[in-house]
Amino acid sequence: MDLALVARHMVANSIGGLVAVIVTLAIQLKQEEVHYHVAMERAAIVAELNHHVRNAIFPMHIAVQRLGDADAKKIADDAVERINLALKDATADALSQRVNYSDNRPGESKT
């Protein structure tokens, strides 16, 4: 067996392996970039939704707090807490991609 031929095959296989690794890493980096951009878009949408919901509910909550009715205060505090939990869950679902809020297929409801 020719040692030079074996050495050439080893070098060729090593170069082929390195090229395969480089191509695989490039594909993975591209996928991570796409995933990052999608996650940032979702985070921006959720942050905007969060901002609008809080701006809508805050004046009502302040008005109830100023009226001083203990039952109304408790109801308002419970409602704000439920809204906080719902926004937190919606944020986690959107960012983890468990729920796709932009999926608008006819005949199917959003979950």
PDB file of N, CA and C in Angstrom:
ATOM      1  N   MET A   1       0.849  -1.176   0.000  1.00  0.00           N
ATOM      2  CA  MET A   1       0.000   0.000   0.000  1.00  0.00           C
ATOM      3  C   MET A   1       0.893   1.237   0.000  1.00  0.00           C
ATOM      4  N   ASP A   2       0.531   2.197  -0.810  1.00  0.00           N
ATOM      5  CA  ASP A   2       1.320   3.411  -0.972  1.00  0.00           C
ATOM      6  C   ASP A   2       0.976   4.417   0.135  1.00  0.00           C
ATOM      7  N   LEU A   3       1.967   4.787   0.928  1.00  0.00           N
ATOM      8  CA  LEU A   3       1.748   5.721   2.040  1.00  0.00           C
ATOM      9  C   LEU A   3       1.369   7.117   1.545  1.00  0.00           C
ATOM     10  N   ALA A   4       1.892   7.507   0.424  1.00  0.00           N
ATOM     11  CA  ALA A   4       1.566   8.823  -0.132  1.00  0.00           C
ATOM     12  C   ALA A   4       0.087   8.881  -0.513  1.00  0.00           C
ATOM     13  N   LEU A   5      -0.420   7.790  -1.075  1.00  0.00           N
ATOM     14  CA  LEU A   5      -1.836   7.738  -1.455  1.00  0.00           C
ATOM     15  C   LEU A   5      -2.724   7.800  -0.209  1.00  0.00           C
ATOM     16  N   VAL A   6      -2.359   7.074   0.834  1.00  0.00           N
ATOM     17  CA  VAL A   6      -3.120   7.097   2.094  1.00  0.00           C
ATOM     18  C   VAL A   6      -3.088   8.504   2.693  1.00  0.00           C
ATOM     19  N   ALA A   7      -1.938   9.141   2.662  1.00  0.00           N
ATOM     20  CA  ALA A   7      -1.818  10.497   3.197  1.00  0.00           C
ATOM     21  C   ALA A   7      -2.685  11.461   2.409  1.00  0.00           C
ATOM     22  N   ARG A   8      -2.703  11.342   1.074  1.00  0.00           N
ATOM     23  CA  ARG A   8      -3.554  12.216   0.248  1.00  0.00           C
ATOM     24  C   ARG A   8      -5.032  12.001   0.565  1.00  0.00           C
ATOM     25  N   HIS A   9      -5.441  10.749   0.752  1.00  0.00           N
ATOM     26  CA  HIS A   9      -6.838  10.460   1.101  1.00  0.00           C
ATOM     27  C   HIS A   9      -7.195  11.054   2.462  1.00  0.00           C
ATOM     28  N   MET A  10      -6.281  10.951   3.410  1.00  0.00           N
ATOM     29  CA  MET A  10      -6.545  11.526   4.732  1.00  0.00           C
ATOM     30  C   MET A  10      -6.671  13.043   4.657  1.00  0.00           C
ATOM     31  N   VAL A  11      -5.802  13.682   3.905  1.00  0.00           N
ATOM     32  CA  VAL A  11      -5.866  15.137   3.745  1.00  0.00           C
ATOM     33  C   VAL A  11      -7.154  15.530   3.034  1.00  0.00           C
ATOM     34  N   ALA A  12      -7.497  14.802   1.966  1.00  0.00           N
ATOM     35  CA  ALA A  12      -8.718  15.099   1.218  1.00  0.00           C
ATOM     36  C   ALA A  12      -9.952  14.916   2.097  1.00  0.00           C
ATOM     37  N   ASN A  13     -10.001  13.831   2.855  1.00  0.00           N
ATOM     38  CA  ASN A  13     -11.138  13.602   3.754  1.00  0.00           C
ATOM     39  C   ASN A  13     -11.209  14.661   4.851  1.00  0.00           C
ATOM     40  N   SER A  14     -10.067  15.081   5.363  1.00  0.00           N
ATOM     41  CA  SER A  14     -10.044  16.133   6.391  1.00  0.00           C
ATOM     42  C   SER A  14     -10.564  17.444   5.827  1.00  0.00           C
ATOM     43  N   ILE A  15     -10.123  17.793   4.623  1.00  0.00           N
ATOM     44  CA  ILE A  15     -10.597  19.028   3.986  1.00  0.00           C
ATOM     45  C   ILE A  15     -12.096  18.935   3.720  1.00  0.00           C
ATOM     46  N   GLY A  16     -12.567  17.793   3.242  1.00  0.00           N
ATOM     47  CA  GLY A  16     -14.003  17.602   3.013  1.00  0.00           C
ATOM     48  C   GLY A  16     -14.795  17.735   4.302  1.00  0.00           C
ATOM     49  N   GLY A  17     -14.265  17.166   5.375  1.00  0.00           N
ATOM     50  CA  GLY A  17     -14.933  17.286   6.672  1.00  0.00           C
ATOM     51  C   GLY A  17     -14.989  18.720   7.154  1.00  0.00           C
ATOM     52  N   LEU A  18     -13.889  19.454   6.992  1.00  0.00           N
ATOM     53  CA  LEU A  18     -13.871  20.863   7.407  1.00  0.00           C
ATOM     54  C   LEU A  18     -14.856  21.698   6.597  1.00  0.00           C
ATOM     55  N   VAL A  19     -14.931  21.441   5.296  1.00  0.00           N
ATOM     56  CA  VAL A  19     -15.886  22.171   4.456  1.00  0.00           C
ATOM     57  C   VAL A  19     -17.313  21.864   4.906  1.00  0.00           C
ATOM     58  N   ALA A  20     -17.597  20.606   5.202  1.00  0.00           N
ATOM     59  CA  ALA A  20     -18.940  20.230   5.667  1.00  0.00           C
ATOM     60  C   ALA A  20     -19.283  20.931   6.978  1.00  0.00           C
ATOM     61  N   VAL A  21     -18.311  20.997   7.903  1.00  0.00           N
ATOM     62  CA  VAL A  21     -18.538  21.669   9.182  1.00  0.00           C
ATOM     63  C   VAL A  21     -18.795  23.154   8.966  1.00  0.00           C
ATOM     64  N   ILE A  22     -18.023  23.788   8.090  1.00  0.00           N
ATOM     65  CA  ILE A  22     -18.190  25.223   7.829  1.00  0.00           C
ATOM     66  C   ILE A  22     -19.560  25.502   7.212  1.00  0.00           C
ATOM     67  N   VAL A  23     -19.975  24.678   6.260  1.00  0.00           N
ATOM     68  CA  VAL A  23     -21.289  24.865   5.633  1.00  0.00           C
ATOM     69  C   VAL A  23     -22.397  24.662   6.661  1.00  0.00           C
ATOM     70  N   THR A  24     -22.271  23.640   7.493  1.00  0.00           N
ATOM     71  CA  THR A  24     -23.273  23.376   8.525  1.00  0.00           C
ATOM     72  C   THR A  24     -23.363  24.537   9.516  1.00  0.00           C
ATOM     73  N   LEU A  25     -22.228  25.059   9.935  1.00  0.00           N
ATOM     74  CA  LEU A  25     -22.233  26.203  10.855  1.00  0.00           C
ATOM     75  C   LEU A  25     -22.850  27.430  10.215  1.00  0.00           C
ATOM     76  N   ALA A  26     -22.580  27.659   8.934  1.00  0.00           N
ATOM     77  CA  ALA A  26     -23.166  28.808   8.242  1.00  0.00           C
ATOM     78  C   ALA A  26     -24.687  28.681   8.183  1.00  0.00           C
ATOM     79  N   ILE A  27     -25.174  27.478   7.899  1.00  0.00           N
ATOM     80  CA  ILE A  27     -26.631  27.258   7.862  1.00  0.00           C
ATOM     81  C   ILE A  27     -27.233  27.466   9.243  1.00  0.00           C
ATOM     82  N   GLN A  28     -26.578  26.953  10.275  1.00  0.00           N
ATOM     83  CA  GLN A  28     -27.081  27.117  11.640  1.00  0.00           C
ATOM     84  C   GLN A  28     -27.100  28.587  12.044  1.00  0.00           C
ATOM     85  N   LEU A  29     -26.063  29.339  11.707  1.00  0.00           N
ATOM     86  CA  LEU A  29     -26.037  30.768  12.030  1.00  0.00           C
ATOM     87  C   LEU A  29     -27.163  31.513  11.329  1.00  0.00           C
ATOM     88  N   LYS A  30     -27.440  31.159  10.091  1.00  0.00           N
ATOM     89  CA  LYS A  30     -28.527  31.806   9.351  1.00  0.00           C
ATOM     90  C   LYS A  30     -29.868  31.504  10.016  1.00  0.00           C
ATOM     91  N   GLN A  31     -30.084  30.249  10.435  1.00  0.00           N
ATOM     92  CA  GLN A  31     -31.313  29.876  11.114  1.00  0.00           C
ATOM     93  C   GLN A  31     -31.460  30.607  12.445  1.00  0.00           C
ATOM     94  N   GLU A  32     -30.377  30.735  13.185  1.00  0.00           N
ATOM     95  CA  GLU A  32     -30.427  31.454  14.458  1.00  0.00           C
ATOM     96  C   GLU A  32     -30.738  32.930  14.238  1.00  0.00           C
ATOM     97  N   GLU A  33     -30.202  33.495  13.158  1.00  0.00           N
ATOM     98  CA  GLU A  33     -30.492  34.900  12.844  1.00  0.00           C
ATOM     99  C   GLU A  33     -31.972  35.084  12.534  1.00  0.00           C
ATOM    100  N   VAL A  34     -32.534  34.182  11.749  1.00  0.00           N
ATOM    101  CA  VAL A  34     -33.958  34.252  11.419  1.00  0.00           C
ATOM    102  C   VAL A  34     -34.789  34.089  12.694  1.00  0.00           C
ATOM    103  N   HIS A  35     -34.427  33.122  13.522  1.00  0.00           N
ATOM    104  CA  HIS A  35     -35.153  32.902  14.777  1.00  0.00           C
ATOM    105  C   HIS A  35     -35.079  34.142  15.671  1.00  0.00           C
ATOM    106  N   TYR A  36     -33.919  34.763  15.754  1.00  0.00           N
ATOM    107  CA  TYR A  36     -33.746  35.966  16.569  1.00  0.00           C
ATOM    108  C   TYR A  36     -34.645  37.089  16.064  1.00  0.00           C
ATOM    109  N   HIS A  37     -34.692  37.297  14.743  1.00  0.00           N
ATOM    110  CA  HIS A  37     -35.528  38.369  14.191  1.00  0.00           C
ATOM    111  C   HIS A  37     -37.013  38.107  14.452  1.00  0.00           C
ATOM    112  N   VAL A  38     -37.441  36.862  14.314  1.00  0.00           N
ATOM    113  CA  VAL A  38     -38.837  36.518  14.585  1.00  0.00           C
ATOM    114  C   VAL A  38     -39.154  36.748  16.058  1.00  0.00           C
ATOM    115  N   ALA A  39     -38.248  36.330  16.944  1.00  0.00           N
ATOM    116  CA  ALA A  39     -38.468  36.524  18.379  1.00  0.00           C
ATOM    117  C   ALA A  39     -38.536  38.008  18.729  1.00  0.00           C
ATOM    118  N   MET A  40     -37.691  38.808  18.116  1.00  0.00           N
ATOM    119  CA  MET A  40     -37.713  40.256  18.385  1.00  0.00           C
ATOM    120  C   MET A  40     -39.004  40.891  17.880  1.00  0.00           C
ATOM    121  N   GLU A  41     -39.493  40.447  16.718  1.00  0.00           N
ATOM    122  CA  GLU A  41     -40.765  40.968  16.209  1.00  0.00           C
ATOM    123  C   GLU A  41     -41.911  40.600  17.148  1.00  0.00           C
ATOM    124  N   ARG A  42     -41.907  39.370  17.622  1.00  0.00           N
ATOM    125  CA  ARG A  42     -42.955  38.945  18.561  1.00  0.00           C
ATOM    126  C   ARG A  42     -42.863  39.718  19.872  1.00  0.00           C
ATOM    127  N   ALA A  43     -41.655  39.924  20.354  1.00  0.00           N
ATOM    128  CA  ALA A  43     -41.483  40.679  21.594  1.00  0.00           C
ATOM    129  C   ALA A  43     -41.993  42.107  21.424  1.00  0.00           C
ATOM    130  N   ALA A  44     -41.751  42.710  20.275  1.00  0.00           N
ATOM    131  CA  ALA A  44     -42.228  44.072  20.019  1.00  0.00           C
ATOM    132  C   ALA A  44     -43.755  44.114  19.979  1.00  0.00           C
ATOM    133  N   ILE A  45     -44.362  43.123  19.359  1.00  0.00           N
ATOM    134  CA  ILE A  45     -45.828  43.068  19.289  1.00  0.00           C
ATOM    135  C   ILE A  45     -46.416  42.903  20.686  1.00  0.00           C
ATOM    136  N   VAL A  46     -45.855  41.998  21.463  1.00  0.00           N
ATOM    137  CA  VAL A  46     -46.357  41.761  22.821  1.00  0.00           C
ATOM    138  C   VAL A  46     -46.153  43.000  23.693  1.00  0.00           C
ATOM    139  N   ALA A  47     -45.007  43.672  23.545  1.00  0.00           N
ATOM    140  CA  ALA A  47     -44.756  44.889  24.331  1.00  0.00           C
ATOM    141  C   ALA A  47     -45.762  45.977  23.970  1.00  0.00           C
ATOM    142  N   GLU A  48     -46.073  46.101  22.692  1.00  0.00           N
ATOM    143  CA  GLU A  48     -47.055  47.099  22.258  1.00  0.00           C
ATOM    144  C   GLU A  48     -48.442  46.758  22.805  1.00  0.00           C
ATOM    145  N   LEU A  49     -48.813  45.500  22.742  1.00  0.00           N
ATOM    146  CA  LEU A  49     -50.098  45.064  23.291  1.00  0.00           C
ATOM    147  C   LEU A  49     -50.155  45.331  24.787  1.00  0.00           C
ATOM    148  N   ASN A  50     -49.094  44.981  25.491  1.00  0.00           N
ATOM    149  CA  ASN A  50     -48.995  45.204  26.928  1.00  0.00           C
ATOM    150  C   ASN A  50     -49.191  46.689  27.243  1.00  0.00           C
ATOM    151  N   HIS A  51     -48.517  47.545  26.496  1.00  0.00           N
ATOM    152  CA  HIS A  51     -48.607  48.994  26.696  1.00  0.00           C
ATOM    153  C   HIS A  51     -50.047  49.477  26.527  1.00  0.00           C
ATOM    154  N   HIS A  52     -50.728  49.047  25.469  1.00  0.00           N
ATOM    155  CA  HIS A  52     -52.089  49.508  25.200  1.00  0.00           C
ATOM    156  C   HIS A  52     -53.076  49.004  26.251  1.00  0.00           C
ATOM    157  N   VAL A  53     -52.925  47.751  26.659  1.00  0.00           N
ATOM    158  CA  VAL A  53     -53.838  47.208  27.674  1.00  0.00           C
ATOM    159  C   VAL A  53     -53.654  47.943  28.995  1.00  0.00           C
ATOM    160  N   ARG A  54     -52.421  48.149  29.392  1.00  0.00           N
ATOM    161  CA  ARG A  54     -52.170  48.850  30.659  1.00  0.00           C
ATOM    162  C   ARG A  54     -52.659  50.301  30.602  1.00  0.00           C
ATOM    163  N   ASN A  55     -52.471  50.968  29.471  1.00  0.00           N
ATOM    164  CA  ASN A  55     -52.973  52.343  29.341  1.00  0.00           C
ATOM    165  C   ASN A  55     -54.493  52.386  29.388  1.00  0.00           C
ATOM    166  N   ALA A  56     -55.145  51.352  28.878  1.00  0.00           N
ATOM    167  CA  ALA A  56     -56.603  51.328  28.879  1.00  0.00           C
ATOM    168  C   ALA A  56     -57.161  51.051  30.274  1.00  0.00           C
ATOM    169  N   ILE A  57     -56.505  50.205  31.040  1.00  0.00           N
ATOM    170  CA  ILE A  57     -57.046  49.790  32.330  1.00  0.00           C
ATOM    171  C   ILE A  57     -56.634  50.722  33.469  1.00  0.00           C
ATOM    172  N   PHE A  58     -55.512  51.410  33.337  1.00  0.00           N
ATOM    173  CA  PHE A  58     -54.978  52.216  34.433  1.00  0.00           C
ATOM    174  C   PHE A  58     -55.943  53.313  34.902  1.00  0.00           C
ATOM    175  N   PRO A  59     -56.559  54.114  34.025  1.00  0.00           N
ATOM    176  CA  PRO A  59     -57.485  55.150  34.520  1.00  0.00           C
ATOM    177  C   PRO A  59     -58.663  54.573  35.306  1.00  0.00           C
ATOM    178  N   MET A  60     -59.188  53.424  34.862  1.00  0.00           N
ATOM    179  CA  MET A  60     -60.289  52.795  35.584  1.00  0.00           C
ATOM    180  C   MET A  60     -59.823  52.355  36.972  1.00  0.00           C
ATOM    181  N   HIS A  61     -58.652  51.804  37.042  1.00  0.00           N
ATOM    182  CA  HIS A  61     -58.126  51.325  38.321  1.00  0.00           C
ATOM    183  C   HIS A  61     -57.909  52.502  39.281  1.00  0.00           C
ATOM    184  N   ILE A  62     -57.357  53.585  38.792  1.00  0.00           N
ATOM    185  CA  ILE A  62     -57.138  54.787  39.627  1.00  0.00           C
ATOM    186  C   ILE A  62     -58.473  55.359  40.105  1.00  0.00           C
ATOM    187  N   ALA A  63     -59.474  55.418  39.213  1.00  0.00           N
ATOM    188  CA  ALA A  63     -60.786  55.948  39.598  1.00  0.00           C
ATOM    189  C   ALA A  63     -61.407  55.108  40.699  1.00  0.00           C
ATOM    190  N   VAL A  64     -61.315  53.806  40.595  1.00  0.00           N
ATOM    191  CA  VAL A  64     -61.869  52.927  41.623  1.00  0.00           C
ATOM    192  C   VAL A  64     -61.104  53.111  42.931  1.00  0.00           C
ATOM    193  N   GLN A  65     -59.801  53.248  42.869  1.00  0.00           N
ATOM    194  CA  GLN A  65     -58.990  53.451  44.074  1.00  0.00           C
ATOM    195  C   GLN A  65     -59.396  54.754  44.775  1.00  0.00           C
ATOM    196  N   ARG A  66     -59.674  55.802  44.023  1.00  0.00           N
ATOM    197  CA  ARG A  66     -60.017  57.104  44.617  1.00  0.00           C
ATOM    198  C   ARG A  66     -61.418  57.136  45.210  1.00  0.00           C
ATOM    199  N   LEU A  67     -62.326  56.318  44.666  1.00  0.00           N
ATOM    200  CA  LEU A  67     -63.686  56.301  45.201  1.00  0.00           C
ATOM    201  C   LEU A  67     -63.715  55.721  46.609  1.00  0.00           C
ATOM    202  N   GLY A  68     -62.815  54.819  46.920  1.00  0.00           N
ATOM    203  CA  GLY A  68     -62.696  54.324  48.282  1.00  0.00           C
ATOM    204  C   GLY A  68     -63.602  53.166  48.648  1.00  0.00           C
ATOM    205  N   ASP A  69     -64.437  52.685  47.741  1.00  0.00           N
ATOM    206  CA  ASP A  69     -65.307  51.548  48.039  1.00  0.00           C
ATOM    207  C   ASP A  69     -64.445  50.290  48.137  1.00  0.00           C
ATOM    208  N   ALA A  70     -64.461  49.635  49.295  1.00  0.00           N
ATOM    209  CA  ALA A  70     -63.584  48.479  49.539  1.00  0.00           C
ATOM    210  C   ALA A  70     -63.889  47.325  48.589  1.00  0.00           C
ATOM    211  N   ASP A  71     -65.171  47.061  48.333  1.00  0.00           N
ATOM    212  CA  ASP A  71     -65.530  45.965  47.416  1.00  0.00           C
ATOM    213  C   ASP A  71     -65.072  46.272  45.994  1.00  0.00           C
ATOM    214  N   ALA A  72     -65.289  47.514  45.572  1.00  0.00           N
ATOM    215  CA  ALA A  72     -64.864  47.900  44.223  1.00  0.00           C
ATOM    216  C   ALA A  72     -63.345  47.850  44.100  1.00  0.00           C
ATOM    217  N   LYS A  73     -62.636  48.260  45.165  1.00  0.00           N
ATOM    218  CA  LYS A  73     -61.176  48.199  45.152  1.00  0.00           C
ATOM    219  C   LYS A  73     -60.693  46.766  45.001  1.00  0.00           C
ATOM    220  N   LYS A  74     -61.327  45.863  45.744  1.00  0.00           N
ATOM    221  CA  LYS A  74     -60.931  44.452  45.665  1.00  0.00           C
ATOM    222  C   LYS A  74     -61.192  43.898  44.274  1.00  0.00           C
ATOM    223  N   ILE A  75     -62.342  44.208  43.712  1.00  0.00           N
ATOM    224  CA  ILE A  75     -62.672  43.739  42.363  1.00  0.00           C
ATOM    225  C   ILE A  75     -61.677  44.300  41.350  1.00  0.00           C
ATOM    226  N   ALA A  76     -61.361  45.587  41.459  1.00  0.00           N
ATOM    227  CA  ALA A  76     -60.413  46.217  40.527  1.00  0.00           C
ATOM    228  C   ALA A  76     -59.023  45.612  40.683  1.00  0.00           C
ATOM    229  N   ASP A  77     -58.588  45.402  41.921  1.00  0.00           N
ATOM    230  CA  ASP A  77     -57.272  44.798  42.149  1.00  0.00           C
ATOM    231  C   ASP A  77     -57.208  43.378  41.580  1.00  0.00           C
ATOM    232  N   ASP A  78     -58.290  42.614  41.783  1.00  0.00           N
ATOM    233  CA  ASP A  78     -58.337  41.255  41.229  1.00  0.00           C
ATOM    234  C   ASP A  78     -58.309  41.292  39.698  1.00  0.00           C
ATOM    235  N   ALA A  79     -59.043  42.226  39.112  1.00  0.00           N
ATOM    236  CA  ALA A  79     -59.070  42.336  37.650  1.00  0.00           C
ATOM    237  C   ALA A  79     -57.694  42.701  37.104  1.00  0.00           C
ATOM    238  N   VAL A  80     -57.029  43.643  37.744  1.00  0.00           N
ATOM    239  CA  VAL A  80     -55.687  44.039  37.301  1.00  0.00           C
ATOM    240  C   VAL A  80     -54.723  42.865  37.449  1.00  0.00           C
ATOM    241  N   GLU A  81     -54.840  42.112  38.518  1.00  0.00           N
ATOM    242  CA  GLU A  81     -53.970  40.944  38.702  1.00  0.00           C
ATOM    243  C   GLU A  81     -54.230  39.890  37.629  1.00  0.00           C
ATOM    244  N   ARG A  82     -55.500  39.662  37.285  1.00  0.00           N
ATOM    245  CA  ARG A  82     -55.817  38.709  36.209  1.00  0.00           C
ATOM    246  C   ARG A  82     -55.270  39.189  34.876  1.00  0.00           C
ATOM    247  N   ILE A  83     -55.352  40.486  34.617  1.00  0.00           N
ATOM    248  CA  ILE A  83     -54.795  41.049  33.386  1.00  0.00           C
ATOM    249  C   ILE A  83     -53.281  40.874  33.369  1.00  0.00           C
ATOM    250  N   ASN A  84     -52.629  41.139  34.501  1.00  0.00           N
ATOM    251  CA  ASN A  84     -51.175  40.941  34.580  1.00  0.00           C
ATOM    252  C   ASN A  84     -50.799  39.494  34.282  1.00  0.00           C
ATOM    253  N   LEU A  85     -51.531  38.544  34.865  1.00  0.00           N
ATOM    254  CA  LEU A  85     -51.254  37.128  34.612  1.00  0.00           C
ATOM    255  C   LEU A  85     -51.507  36.757  33.154  1.00  0.00           C
ATOM    256  N   ALA A  86     -52.601  37.280  32.583  1.00  0.00           N
ATOM    257  CA  ALA A  86     -52.916  36.973  31.186  1.00  0.00           C
ATOM    258  C   ALA A  86     -51.843  37.529  30.251  1.00  0.00           C
ATOM    259  N   LEU A  87     -51.378  38.756  30.517  1.00  0.00           N
ATOM    260  CA  LEU A  87     -50.323  39.341  29.682  1.00  0.00           C
ATOM    261  C   LEU A  87     -49.017  38.566  29.834  1.00  0.00           C
ATOM    262  N   LYS A  88     -48.728  38.144  31.057  1.00  0.00           N
ATOM    263  CA  LYS A  88     -47.510  37.358  31.295  1.00  0.00           C
ATOM    264  C   LYS A  88     -47.580  36.031  30.551  1.00  0.00           C
ATOM    265  N   ASP A  89     -48.718  35.338  30.639  1.00  0.00           N
ATOM    266  CA  ASP A  89     -48.884  34.065  29.939  1.00  0.00           C
ATOM    267  C   ASP A  89     -48.848  34.249  28.426  1.00  0.00           C
ATOM    268  N   ALA A  90     -49.509  35.289  27.939  1.00  0.00           N
ATOM    269  CA  ALA A  90     -49.514  35.552  26.496  1.00  0.00           C
ATOM    270  C   ALA A  90     -48.108  35.857  25.996  1.00  0.00           C
ATOM    271  N   THR A  91     -47.348  36.598  26.788  1.00  0.00           N
ATOM    272  CA  THR A  91     -45.968  36.906  26.417  1.00  0.00           C
ATOM    273  C   THR A  91     -45.130  35.634  26.354  1.00  0.00           C
ATOM    274  N   ALA A  92     -45.253  34.803  27.369  1.00  0.00           N
ATOM    275  CA  ALA A  92     -44.491  33.548  27.397  1.00  0.00           C
ATOM    276  C   ALA A  92     -44.884  32.654  26.227  1.00  0.00           C
ATOM    277  N   ASP A  93     -46.182  32.554  25.940  1.00  0.00           N
ATOM    278  CA  ASP A  93     -46.644  31.722  24.829  1.00  0.00           C
ATOM    279  C   ASP A  93     -46.154  32.248  23.489  1.00  0.00           C
ATOM    280  N   ALA A  94     -46.222  33.562  23.305  1.00  0.00           N
ATOM    281  CA  ALA A  94     -45.804  34.143  22.024  1.00  0.00           C
ATOM    282  C   ALA A  94     -44.309  33.994  21.808  1.00  0.00           C
ATOM    283  N   LEU A  95     -43.530  34.229  22.844  1.00  0.00           N
ATOM    284  CA  LEU A  95     -42.083  34.168  22.686  1.00  0.00           C
ATOM    285  C   LEU A  95     -41.566  32.737  22.587  1.00  0.00           C
ATOM    286  N   SER A  96     -42.253  31.797  23.213  1.00  0.00           N
ATOM    287  CA  SER A  96     -41.825  30.400  23.125  1.00  0.00           C
ATOM    288  C   SER A  96     -42.417  29.711  21.898  1.00  0.00           C
ATOM    289  N   GLN A  97     -43.256  30.420  21.151  1.00  0.00           N
ATOM    290  CA  GLN A  97     -43.905  29.938  19.938  1.00  0.00           C
ATOM    291  C   GLN A  97     -44.865  28.785  20.212  1.00  0.00           C
ATOM    292  N   ARG A  98     -45.375  28.698  21.444  1.00  0.00           N
ATOM    293  CA  ARG A  98     -46.395  27.692  21.741  1.00  0.00           C
ATOM    294  C   ARG A  98     -47.713  28.067  21.085  1.00  0.00           C
ATOM    295  N   VAL A  99     -47.935  29.366  20.908  1.00  0.00           N
ATOM    296  CA  VAL A  99     -49.155  29.858  20.286  1.00  0.00           C
ATOM    297  C   VAL A  99     -48.745  30.820  19.190  1.00  0.00           C
ATOM    298  N   ASN A 100     -49.349  30.675  18.027  1.00  0.00           N
ATOM    299  CA  ASN A 100     -49.057  31.573  16.921  1.00  0.00           C
ATOM    300  C   ASN A 100     -50.250  32.509  16.757  1.00  0.00           C
ATOM    301  N   TYR A 101     -50.121  33.718  17.253  1.00  0.00           N
ATOM    302  CA  TYR A 101     -51.232  34.667  17.226  1.00  0.00           C
ATOM    303  C   TYR A 101     -51.477  35.249  15.838  1.00  0.00           C
ATOM    304  N   SER A 102     -50.570  35.058  14.914  1.00  0.00           N
ATOM    305  CA  SER A 102     -50.738  35.599  13.570  1.00  0.00           C
ATOM    306  C   SER A 102     -51.316  34.574  12.614  1.00  0.00           C
ATOM    307  N   ASP A 103     -51.685  33.393  13.093  1.00  0.00           N
ATOM    308  CA  ASP A 103     -52.215  32.331  12.252  1.00  0.00           C
ATOM    309  C   ASP A 103     -53.694  32.599  12.007  1.00  0.00           C
ATOM    310  N   ASN A 104     -54.052  32.973  10.786  1.00  0.00           N
ATOM    311  CA  ASN A 104     -55.434  33.332  10.461  1.00  0.00           C
ATOM    312  C   ASN A 104     -55.987  32.422   9.379  1.00  0.00           C
ATOM    313  N   ARG A 105     -55.989  31.127   9.598  1.00  0.00           N
ATOM    314  CA  ARG A 105     -56.550  30.216   8.614  1.00  0.00           C
ATOM    315  C   ARG A 105     -58.064  30.218   8.736  1.00  0.00           C
ATOM    316  N   PRO A 106     -58.769  30.248   7.597  1.00  0.00           N
ATOM    317  CA  PRO A 106     -60.240  30.245   7.651  1.00  0.00           C
ATOM    318  C   PRO A 106     -60.770  28.984   8.294  1.00  0.00           C
ATOM    319  N   GLY A 107     -61.774  29.147   9.128  1.00  0.00           N
ATOM    320  CA  GLY A 107     -62.421  28.015   9.754  1.00  0.00           C
ATOM    321  C   GLY A 107     -61.747  27.504  11.007  1.00  0.00           C
ATOM    322  N   GLU A 108     -60.599  28.053  11.360  1.00  0.00           N
ATOM    323  CA  GLU A 108     -59.903  27.617  12.562  1.00  0.00           C
ATOM    324  C   GLU A 108     -59.866  28.758  13.552  1.00  0.00           C
ATOM    325  N   SER A 109     -60.034  28.415  14.802  1.00  0.00           N
ATOM    326  CA  SER A 109     -59.963  29.446  15.845  1.00  0.00           C
ATOM    327  C   SER A 109     -58.563  29.523  16.389  1.00  0.00           C
ATOM    328  N   LYS A 110     -58.223  30.691  16.929  1.00  0.00           N
ATOM    329  CA  LYS A 110     -56.913  30.870  17.559  1.00  0.00           C
ATOM    330  C   LYS A 110     -56.960  30.271  18.942  1.00  0.00           C
ATOM    331  N   THR A 111     -55.821  29.648  19.351  1.00  0.00           N
ATOM    332  CA  THR A 111     -55.767  29.072  20.701  1.00  0.00           C
ATOM    333  C   THR A 111     -54.730  29.760  21.510  1.00  0.00           C
TER     334      THR A 111
END
